Protein backbone atom coordinates (compact mmCIF):
# COMPACT_ATOMS: atom_id res chain seq x y z
CA MET A 1 19.81 -9.53 -6.36
CA PRO A 2 17.94 -7.22 -8.61
CA ARG A 3 15.21 -5.12 -7.11
CA TYR A 4 11.14 -5.74 -8.26
CA TYR A 5 8.81 -3.37 -7.94
CA PHE A 6 4.70 -3.76 -7.72
CA HIS A 7 2.77 -1.72 -8.92
CA VAL A 8 -0.94 -2.06 -9.41
CA ARG A 9 -3.27 -1.09 -11.70
CA GLU A 10 -6.69 -0.51 -9.97
CA GLY A 11 -8.71 1.23 -12.80
CA GLY A 12 -6.86 4.03 -15.12
CA VAL A 13 -4.86 4.61 -12.08
CA LEU A 14 -2.34 3.55 -11.71
CA GLY A 15 -0.53 3.43 -7.94
CA LYS A 16 3.34 3.13 -7.71
CA ASP A 17 5.63 1.02 -6.37
CA PRO A 18 8.21 2.95 -3.91
CA LYS A 19 10.02 0.87 -2.64
CA GLY A 20 10.03 -2.29 -4.67
CA THR A 21 11.35 -6.00 -3.33
CA LYS A 22 14.03 -8.27 -4.08
CA PHE A 23 14.29 -11.15 -5.36
CA ALA A 24 16.97 -14.14 -6.85
CA ASN A 25 15.66 -14.00 -9.23
CA LEU A 26 11.97 -12.81 -11.93
CA ASP A 27 10.03 -15.86 -11.79
CA ASP A 28 10.35 -15.72 -7.56
CA ALA A 29 9.09 -11.62 -8.03
CA TYR A 30 6.16 -13.37 -10.00
CA ASP A 31 5.58 -16.01 -7.36
CA TYR A 32 5.41 -13.35 -5.13
CA ALA A 33 2.61 -11.55 -6.81
CA VAL A 34 -0.01 -13.88 -8.01
CA LYS A 35 0.46 -14.94 -3.77
CA ALA A 36 -0.68 -11.45 -2.32
CA ALA A 37 -3.24 -10.95 -5.23
CA ARG A 38 -4.82 -14.10 -3.62
CA GLU A 39 -3.71 -12.68 -0.79
CA VAL A 40 -5.52 -9.33 -1.81
CA ILE A 41 -9.02 -11.06 -3.45
CA ALA A 42 -9.54 -13.00 0.60
CA GLU A 43 -9.63 -10.00 2.22
CA VAL A 44 -11.55 -8.74 0.33
CA GLY A 45 -13.75 -11.01 -0.15
CA LEU A 46 -14.19 -11.29 3.81
CA ALA A 47 -14.85 -7.54 3.49
CA ASN A 48 -17.85 -8.67 0.78
CA ASP A 49 -16.60 -5.41 -1.33
CA VAL A 50 -16.32 -4.97 -4.40
CA ILE A 51 -12.40 -5.54 -6.62
CA ASP A 52 -11.91 -3.07 -8.55
CA VAL A 53 -7.84 -3.52 -8.81
CA THR A 54 -7.43 -5.94 -12.22
CA ARG A 55 -3.95 -6.47 -11.48
CA PHE A 56 0.71 -5.86 -10.53
CA GLU A 57 2.35 -4.62 -12.85
CA ILE A 58 6.48 -5.60 -11.98
CA THR A 59 8.72 -3.49 -13.23
CA ALA A 60 12.39 -3.76 -13.19
CA GLU A 61 14.73 -0.09 -11.27
CA ASP A 62 14.64 1.00 -14.80
CA GLY A 63 10.50 1.10 -15.63
CA THR A 64 10.33 -1.81 -17.83
CA VAL A 65 6.81 -4.06 -17.24
CA LEU A 66 8.25 -7.17 -17.24
CA ARG A 67 5.74 -9.52 -16.31
CA GLU A 68 1.59 -8.50 -14.68
CA VAL A 69 -0.46 -10.60 -13.18
CA LEU A 70 -3.69 -10.09 -13.28
CA PHE A 71 -5.84 -10.34 -10.37
CA ARG A 72 -8.51 -12.77 -12.33
CA SER A 73 -5.66 -14.90 -13.11
CA ALA A 74 -4.27 -14.96 -10.10
CA VAL A 75 -7.42 -18.08 -8.81
CA GLN A 76 -9.69 -20.52 -10.40
CA LEU A 77 -13.17 -20.29 -9.96
CA ASP A 78 -13.99 -23.78 -11.49
């Protein structure tokens, strides 16, 4: 099973995921990132704080960015 890394882009800073997580495919990794983004948004909202994180960058083991999950696209506001 391939290992995917979920780096976090916060402002101009990239926080790297040092361990990654194994998933059967990229679609499963993407679904995981969307769920995680929703959880971060909920936690920050409950704390009445500001979300500085803009996205997850899902990468392969060699560092290639495979997909991005924008936090603003993880929830519907309408």
